[in-house]
N, C-alpha and C. Protein backbone atom coordinates (compact mmCIF):
# COMPACT_ATOMS: atom_id res chain seq x y z
N MET A 1 0.85 -1.17 0.00
CA MET A 1 0.00 0.00 0.00
C MET A 1 0.90 1.24 0.00
N ASN A 2 0.59 2.17 -0.90
CA ASN A 2 1.46 3.35 -0.93
C ASN A 2 1.19 4.26 0.27
N VAL A 3 2.11 5.15 0.51
CA VAL A 3 2.09 6.00 1.71
C VAL A 3 0.84 6.87 1.76
N LYS A 4 0.43 7.46 0.65
CA LYS A 4 -0.73 8.34 0.64
C LYS A 4 -2.02 7.56 0.94
N ARG A 5 -2.17 6.39 0.32
CA ARG A 5 -3.35 5.55 0.59
C ARG A 5 -3.42 5.17 2.07
N LYS A 6 -2.28 4.78 2.60
CA LYS A 6 -2.22 4.38 4.01
C LYS A 6 -2.61 5.56 4.91
N ALA A 7 -2.13 6.75 4.56
CA ALA A 7 -2.45 7.94 5.35
C ALA A 7 -3.95 8.24 5.30
N VAL A 8 -4.58 8.07 4.13
CA VAL A 8 -6.02 8.31 4.00
C VAL A 8 -6.80 7.30 4.82
N PHE A 9 -6.43 6.01 4.73
CA PHE A 9 -7.10 4.99 5.53
C PHE A 9 -6.96 5.27 7.02
N GLU A 10 -5.78 5.65 7.45
CA GLU A 10 -5.57 5.94 8.87
C GLU A 10 -6.35 7.17 9.30
N ARG A 11 -6.33 8.23 8.48
CA ARG A 11 -7.08 9.45 8.81
C ARG A 11 -8.56 9.14 8.98
N ASP A 12 -9.09 8.29 8.09
CA ASP A 12 -10.52 7.96 8.11
C ASP A 12 -10.83 6.73 8.96
N GLU A 13 -9.82 6.26 9.69
CA GLU A 13 -9.97 5.12 10.61
C GLU A 13 -10.51 3.87 9.92
N TYR A 14 -10.10 3.66 8.68
CA TYR A 14 -10.47 2.48 7.89
C TYR A 14 -11.98 2.32 7.74
N ALA A 15 -12.69 3.44 7.81
CA ALA A 15 -14.15 3.43 7.64
C ALA A 15 -14.51 4.25 6.40
N CYS A 16 -15.52 3.80 5.67
CA CYS A 16 -16.00 4.54 4.50
C CYS A 16 -16.54 5.89 4.96
N ARG A 17 -16.05 6.96 4.35
CA ARG A 17 -16.50 8.31 4.75
C ARG A 17 -17.92 8.60 4.30
N TYR A 18 -18.47 7.75 3.45
CA TYR A 18 -19.83 7.97 2.95
C TYR A 18 -20.87 7.20 3.76
N CYS A 19 -20.65 5.89 3.98
CA CYS A 19 -21.66 5.07 4.65
C CYS A 19 -21.23 4.55 6.01
N GLY A 20 -19.94 4.67 6.34
CA GLY A 20 -19.45 4.20 7.62
C GLY A 20 -19.03 2.74 7.64
N GLY A 21 -19.21 2.04 6.52
CA GLY A 21 -18.81 0.64 6.44
C GLY A 21 -17.29 0.49 6.38
N GLU A 22 -16.83 -0.72 6.18
CA GLU A 22 -15.39 -0.99 6.11
C GLU A 22 -14.81 -0.43 4.81
N ALA A 23 -13.80 0.40 4.92
CA ALA A 23 -13.16 1.01 3.75
C ALA A 23 -12.22 0.00 3.10
N GLU A 24 -12.31 -0.10 1.78
CA GLU A 24 -11.48 -1.02 1.02
C GLU A 24 -10.68 -0.32 -0.07
N VAL A 25 -11.15 0.85 -0.49
CA VAL A 25 -10.49 1.59 -1.57
C VAL A 25 -10.42 3.06 -1.19
N VAL A 26 -9.65 3.81 -1.96
CA VAL A 26 -9.58 5.26 -1.78
C VAL A 26 -10.29 5.90 -2.96
N ASP A 27 -11.20 6.81 -2.66
CA ASP A 27 -12.03 7.48 -3.66
C ASP A 27 -11.58 8.93 -3.83
N HIS A 28 -11.64 9.42 -5.05
CA HIS A 28 -11.43 10.85 -5.30
C HIS A 28 -12.76 11.55 -5.07
N ILE A 29 -12.82 12.48 -4.14
CA ILE A 29 -14.05 13.20 -3.86
C ILE A 29 -14.50 13.95 -5.11
N ILE A 30 -13.61 14.73 -5.69
CA ILE A 30 -13.85 15.29 -7.02
C ILE A 30 -13.16 14.34 -7.98
N PRO A 31 -13.92 13.70 -8.88
CA PRO A 31 -13.31 12.67 -9.74
C PRO A 31 -12.03 13.15 -10.41
N TRP A 32 -11.09 12.23 -10.48
CA TRP A 32 -9.79 12.53 -11.06
C TRP A 32 -9.92 13.00 -12.51
N SER A 33 -10.92 12.51 -13.22
CA SER A 33 -11.10 12.92 -14.62
C SER A 33 -11.52 14.38 -14.74
N PHE A 34 -12.09 14.96 -13.69
CA PHE A 34 -12.49 16.37 -13.73
C PHE A 34 -11.35 17.28 -13.28
N ARG A 35 -10.65 16.85 -12.24
CA ARG A 35 -9.54 17.63 -11.72
C ARG A 35 -8.47 16.64 -11.27
N HIS A 36 -7.36 16.63 -11.93
CA HIS A 36 -6.29 15.67 -11.64
C HIS A 36 -5.65 16.00 -10.29
N ASP A 37 -6.41 15.71 -9.22
CA ASP A 37 -6.00 16.09 -7.88
C ASP A 37 -5.88 14.86 -6.99
N ASP A 38 -4.65 14.49 -6.66
CA ASP A 38 -4.40 13.36 -5.77
C ASP A 38 -4.01 13.81 -4.37
N SER A 39 -4.38 15.03 -4.01
CA SER A 39 -4.05 15.52 -2.67
C SER A 39 -4.91 14.79 -1.64
N GLU A 40 -4.42 14.69 -0.43
CA GLU A 40 -5.17 14.00 0.62
C GLU A 40 -6.53 14.65 0.88
N GLU A 41 -6.65 15.96 0.65
CA GLU A 41 -7.92 16.65 0.85
C GLU A 41 -8.98 16.18 -0.13
N ASN A 42 -8.55 15.66 -1.29
CA ASN A 42 -9.49 15.20 -2.31
C ASN A 42 -9.67 13.68 -2.27
N LEU A 43 -9.10 13.02 -1.30
CA LEU A 43 -9.20 11.57 -1.20
C LEU A 43 -9.99 11.18 0.04
N ALA A 44 -10.77 10.11 -0.09
CA ALA A 44 -11.57 9.61 1.03
C ALA A 44 -11.54 8.09 1.02
N ALA A 45 -11.45 7.52 2.20
CA ALA A 45 -11.58 6.07 2.32
C ALA A 45 -13.02 5.72 1.96
N SER A 46 -13.19 4.63 1.21
CA SER A 46 -14.52 4.27 0.73
C SER A 46 -14.68 2.76 0.67
N CYS A 47 -15.91 2.30 0.82
CA CYS A 47 -16.18 0.89 0.57
C CYS A 47 -16.33 0.72 -0.94
N VAL A 48 -16.29 -0.50 -1.40
CA VAL A 48 -16.36 -0.77 -2.84
C VAL A 48 -17.69 -0.31 -3.43
N LEU A 49 -18.80 -0.52 -2.70
CA LEU A 49 -20.10 -0.15 -3.25
C LEU A 49 -20.28 1.36 -3.38
N CYS A 50 -19.89 2.12 -2.37
CA CYS A 50 -19.99 3.59 -2.49
C CYS A 50 -19.10 4.09 -3.61
N ASN A 51 -17.91 3.52 -3.72
CA ASN A 51 -17.00 3.91 -4.80
C ASN A 51 -17.61 3.60 -6.15
N ALA A 52 -18.26 2.46 -6.28
CA ALA A 52 -18.88 2.08 -7.56
C ALA A 52 -20.07 2.99 -7.89
N TRP A 53 -20.89 3.31 -6.89
CA TRP A 53 -22.03 4.20 -7.14
C TRP A 53 -21.57 5.59 -7.56
N ALA A 54 -20.47 6.04 -7.00
CA ALA A 54 -20.00 7.40 -7.26
C ALA A 54 -19.25 7.53 -8.58
N HIS A 55 -18.97 6.43 -9.23
CA HIS A 55 -18.14 6.37 -10.43
C HIS A 55 -18.23 7.62 -11.31
N ASN A 56 -17.23 8.46 -11.24
CA ASN A 56 -17.04 9.61 -12.14
C ASN A 56 -18.20 10.60 -12.16
N LYS A 57 -19.01 10.62 -11.11
CA LYS A 57 -20.10 11.60 -11.03
C LYS A 57 -19.59 12.82 -10.27
N MET A 58 -20.00 13.98 -10.73
CA MET A 58 -19.56 15.24 -10.13
C MET A 58 -20.65 15.77 -9.21
N PHE A 59 -20.26 16.22 -8.03
CA PHE A 59 -21.18 16.77 -7.04
C PHE A 59 -20.66 18.14 -6.62
N PRO A 60 -21.55 19.05 -6.19
CA PRO A 60 -21.10 20.39 -5.81
C PRO A 60 -20.20 20.39 -4.57
N ASN A 61 -20.37 19.40 -3.69
CA ASN A 61 -19.52 19.32 -2.50
C ASN A 61 -19.58 17.91 -1.91
N PHE A 62 -18.73 17.66 -0.94
CA PHE A 62 -18.66 16.34 -0.30
C PHE A 62 -19.99 15.92 0.30
N HIS A 63 -20.69 16.83 0.94
CA HIS A 63 -21.93 16.51 1.62
C HIS A 63 -23.01 16.06 0.65
N LYS A 64 -23.07 16.69 -0.53
CA LYS A 64 -24.05 16.29 -1.55
C LYS A 64 -23.70 14.89 -2.08
N LYS A 65 -22.41 14.62 -2.24
CA LYS A 65 -21.99 13.30 -2.70
C LYS A 65 -22.37 12.25 -1.66
N ARG A 66 -22.10 12.53 -0.40
CA ARG A 66 -22.43 11.59 0.68
C ARG A 66 -23.94 11.36 0.75
N GLU A 67 -24.72 12.42 0.64
CA GLU A 67 -26.18 12.33 0.67
C GLU A 67 -26.68 11.43 -0.48
N TYR A 68 -26.14 11.64 -1.67
CA TYR A 68 -26.50 10.84 -2.84
C TYR A 68 -26.17 9.37 -2.60
N LEU A 69 -24.96 9.10 -2.10
CA LEU A 69 -24.54 7.71 -1.88
C LEU A 69 -25.36 7.03 -0.79
N LEU A 70 -25.67 7.74 0.28
CA LEU A 70 -26.50 7.15 1.33
C LEU A 70 -27.89 6.81 0.80
N LYS A 71 -28.44 7.68 -0.02
CA LYS A 71 -29.75 7.41 -0.62
C LYS A 71 -29.67 6.18 -1.52
N LYS A 72 -28.62 6.10 -2.33
CA LYS A 72 -28.46 4.94 -3.22
C LYS A 72 -28.24 3.66 -2.42
N ARG A 73 -27.45 3.75 -1.38
CA ARG A 73 -27.11 2.56 -0.59
C ARG A 73 -28.27 2.09 0.29
N PHE A 74 -29.02 3.01 0.88
CA PHE A 74 -29.99 2.62 1.90
C PHE A 74 -31.40 3.11 1.64
N GLY A 75 -31.63 3.74 0.50
CA GLY A 75 -32.95 4.28 0.20
C GLY A 75 -33.92 3.23 -0.33
N PRO A 76 -35.12 3.66 -0.66
CA PRO A 76 -36.16 2.73 -1.12
C PRO A 76 -35.81 2.07 -2.46
N GLU A 77 -34.83 2.61 -3.20
CA GLU A 77 -34.45 2.04 -4.49
C GLU A 77 -33.85 0.65 -4.35
N LYS A 78 -33.60 0.21 -3.14
CA LYS A 78 -32.95 -1.08 -2.91
C LYS A 78 -33.76 -2.21 -3.54
N LYS A 79 -35.07 -2.02 -3.70
CA LYS A 79 -35.91 -3.05 -4.29
C LYS A 79 -35.87 -3.01 -5.81
N THR A 80 -35.44 -1.91 -6.38
CA THR A 80 -35.35 -1.77 -7.82
C THR A 80 -34.08 -2.45 -8.31
N PRO A 81 -34.18 -3.32 -9.32
CA PRO A 81 -32.96 -3.98 -9.80
C PRO A 81 -31.92 -2.98 -10.28
N ILE A 82 -30.67 -3.29 -10.01
CA ILE A 82 -29.55 -2.43 -10.40
C ILE A 82 -28.80 -3.10 -11.55
N ALA A 83 -28.42 -2.32 -12.52
CA ALA A 83 -27.63 -2.84 -13.63
C ALA A 83 -26.16 -2.48 -13.43
N VAL A 84 -25.28 -3.41 -13.73
CA VAL A 84 -23.84 -3.18 -13.69
C VAL A 84 -23.35 -3.24 -15.13
N TRP A 85 -22.77 -2.14 -15.61
CA TRP A 85 -22.30 -2.04 -17.00
C TRP A 85 -20.80 -1.86 -17.02
N LEU A 86 -20.20 -2.33 -18.08
CA LEU A 86 -18.78 -2.09 -18.31
C LEU A 86 -18.60 -0.69 -18.91
N GLN A 87 -17.49 -0.04 -18.59
CA GLN A 87 -17.21 1.28 -19.14
C GLN A 87 -17.21 1.23 -20.67
N SER A 88 -16.71 0.14 -21.25
CA SER A 88 -16.67 0.01 -22.72
C SER A 88 -18.08 0.02 -23.31
N GLU A 89 -19.07 -0.53 -22.58
CA GLU A 89 -20.46 -0.51 -23.05
C GLU A 89 -21.01 0.92 -23.01
N ILE A 90 -20.69 1.65 -21.97
CA ILE A 90 -21.14 3.04 -21.84
C ILE A 90 -20.53 3.88 -22.96
N ASN A 91 -19.26 3.65 -23.26
CA ASN A 91 -18.57 4.43 -24.29
C ASN A 91 -19.18 4.24 -25.67
N GLN A 92 -19.87 3.14 -25.91
CA GLN A 92 -20.46 2.87 -27.21
C GLN A 92 -21.79 3.60 -27.42
N LEU A 93 -22.35 4.15 -26.35
CA LEU A 93 -23.61 4.87 -26.45
C LEU A 93 -23.39 6.27 -26.99
N GLY A 94 -24.42 6.83 -27.59
CA GLY A 94 -24.35 8.23 -28.03
C GLY A 94 -24.30 9.13 -26.81
N PRO A 95 -23.84 10.38 -26.97
CA PRO A 95 -23.66 11.28 -25.83
C PRO A 95 -24.92 11.51 -25.00
N GLY A 96 -26.06 11.69 -25.63
CA GLY A 96 -27.30 11.95 -24.90
C GLY A 96 -27.73 10.74 -24.07
N LEU A 97 -27.70 9.57 -24.68
CA LEU A 97 -28.08 8.35 -23.99
C LEU A 97 -27.06 8.01 -22.90
N ARG A 98 -25.78 8.24 -23.20
CA ARG A 98 -24.72 7.97 -22.22
C ARG A 98 -24.97 8.78 -20.95
N LYS A 99 -25.29 10.06 -21.11
CA LYS A 99 -25.52 10.93 -19.96
C LYS A 99 -26.72 10.45 -19.15
N LYS A 100 -27.75 10.00 -19.84
CA LYS A 100 -28.96 9.53 -19.18
C LYS A 100 -28.73 8.22 -18.42
N VAL A 101 -27.99 7.30 -19.04
CA VAL A 101 -27.78 5.97 -18.48
C VAL A 101 -26.77 5.97 -17.34
N GLN A 102 -25.69 6.74 -17.46
CA GLN A 102 -24.59 6.63 -16.50
C GLN A 102 -24.98 6.99 -15.07
N HIS A 103 -26.08 7.68 -14.87
CA HIS A 103 -26.51 8.02 -13.52
C HIS A 103 -27.48 6.99 -12.94
N LYS A 104 -27.81 5.97 -13.75
CA LYS A 104 -28.77 4.97 -13.29
C LYS A 104 -28.16 3.58 -13.15
N VAL A 105 -26.90 3.45 -13.51
CA VAL A 105 -26.24 2.14 -13.45
C VAL A 105 -24.92 2.28 -12.70
N ILE A 106 -24.37 1.14 -12.32
CA ILE A 106 -23.02 1.13 -11.76
C ILE A 106 -22.08 0.79 -12.91
N ILE A 107 -21.06 1.59 -13.08
CA ILE A 107 -20.11 1.42 -14.18
C ILE A 107 -18.79 0.91 -13.62
N VAL A 108 -18.28 -0.16 -14.23
CA VAL A 108 -17.02 -0.75 -13.81
C VAL A 108 -16.09 -0.88 -15.01
N GLU A 109 -14.81 -1.05 -14.73
CA GLU A 109 -13.80 -1.09 -15.79
C GLU A 109 -13.71 -2.43 -16.51
N ASN A 110 -13.91 -3.55 -15.79
CA ASN A 110 -13.72 -4.86 -16.43
C ASN A 110 -14.68 -5.88 -15.84
N ALA A 111 -14.73 -7.07 -16.47
CA ALA A 111 -15.66 -8.12 -16.07
C ALA A 111 -15.38 -8.63 -14.65
N ARG A 112 -14.12 -8.65 -14.26
CA ARG A 112 -13.76 -9.11 -12.90
C ARG A 112 -14.37 -8.16 -11.86
N ASP A 113 -14.25 -6.84 -12.10
CA ASP A 113 -14.85 -5.87 -11.19
C ASP A 113 -16.37 -5.98 -11.19
N ALA A 114 -16.96 -6.23 -12.37
CA ALA A 114 -18.41 -6.38 -12.48
C ALA A 114 -18.89 -7.54 -11.62
N SER A 115 -18.17 -8.64 -11.67
CA SER A 115 -18.52 -9.82 -10.88
C SER A 115 -18.41 -9.52 -9.38
N LYS A 116 -17.33 -8.84 -8.99
CA LYS A 116 -17.12 -8.51 -7.58
C LYS A 116 -18.22 -7.57 -7.07
N ILE A 117 -18.54 -6.55 -7.84
CA ILE A 117 -19.57 -5.59 -7.44
C ILE A 117 -20.94 -6.27 -7.40
N THR A 118 -21.23 -7.11 -8.38
CA THR A 118 -22.50 -7.83 -8.41
C THR A 118 -22.67 -8.67 -7.15
N GLN A 119 -21.63 -9.40 -6.77
CA GLN A 119 -21.69 -10.22 -5.56
C GLN A 119 -21.91 -9.36 -4.32
N ARG A 120 -21.21 -8.23 -4.24
CA ARG A 120 -21.36 -7.33 -3.09
C ARG A 120 -22.78 -6.79 -3.01
N LEU A 121 -23.35 -6.43 -4.16
CA LEU A 121 -24.72 -5.91 -4.19
C LEU A 121 -25.71 -6.96 -3.69
N ILE A 122 -25.54 -8.19 -4.15
CA ILE A 122 -26.44 -9.28 -3.74
C ILE A 122 -26.34 -9.51 -2.24
N VAL A 123 -25.11 -9.56 -1.72
CA VAL A 123 -24.91 -9.75 -0.29
C VAL A 123 -25.54 -8.60 0.51
N ALA A 124 -25.49 -7.39 -0.04
CA ALA A 124 -26.05 -6.23 0.65
C ALA A 124 -27.57 -6.14 0.52
N GLY A 125 -28.17 -7.09 -0.22
CA GLY A 125 -29.63 -7.13 -0.30
C GLY A 125 -30.24 -6.48 -1.52
N TYR A 126 -29.43 -6.09 -2.49
CA TYR A 126 -29.94 -5.49 -3.71
C TYR A 126 -30.33 -6.57 -4.71
N ARG A 127 -31.21 -6.22 -5.61
CA ARG A 127 -31.50 -7.06 -6.77
C ARG A 127 -30.64 -6.54 -7.91
N VAL A 128 -30.04 -7.45 -8.66
CA VAL A 128 -29.13 -7.06 -9.74
C VAL A 128 -29.69 -7.54 -11.07
N ARG A 129 -29.73 -6.64 -12.04
CA ARG A 129 -30.20 -6.95 -13.39
C ARG A 129 -29.00 -7.26 -14.26
N SER A 130 -29.07 -8.35 -14.98
CA SER A 130 -27.96 -8.73 -15.89
C SER A 130 -28.07 -8.04 -17.21
């Protein structure tokens, strides 16, 4: 584990800053694709599910991002099936459809991550759409 990641985990006491669960990854509060910022102020310890829900979405501030993630994680939508898409599938969509879809699905980089996220969602009580 690199020094910066370790420092973020220790600062956040190995707890997800969004839901309070066990932190497994480090998330960019402002997505790296929007602002190439790897400073500790822009990093947060996160669980895999919060990190997946937040995938490259921009929020006005940390609190709005946390509110969005808590609603996604624990809100009434838990009964609605969730779709897990590969980034390559999203990239094939036209710009208008891409913008509409990317806020309703979990986007992952590869099939291995899709499988891992799908299993986590099922364990957490979500229904997953293939």
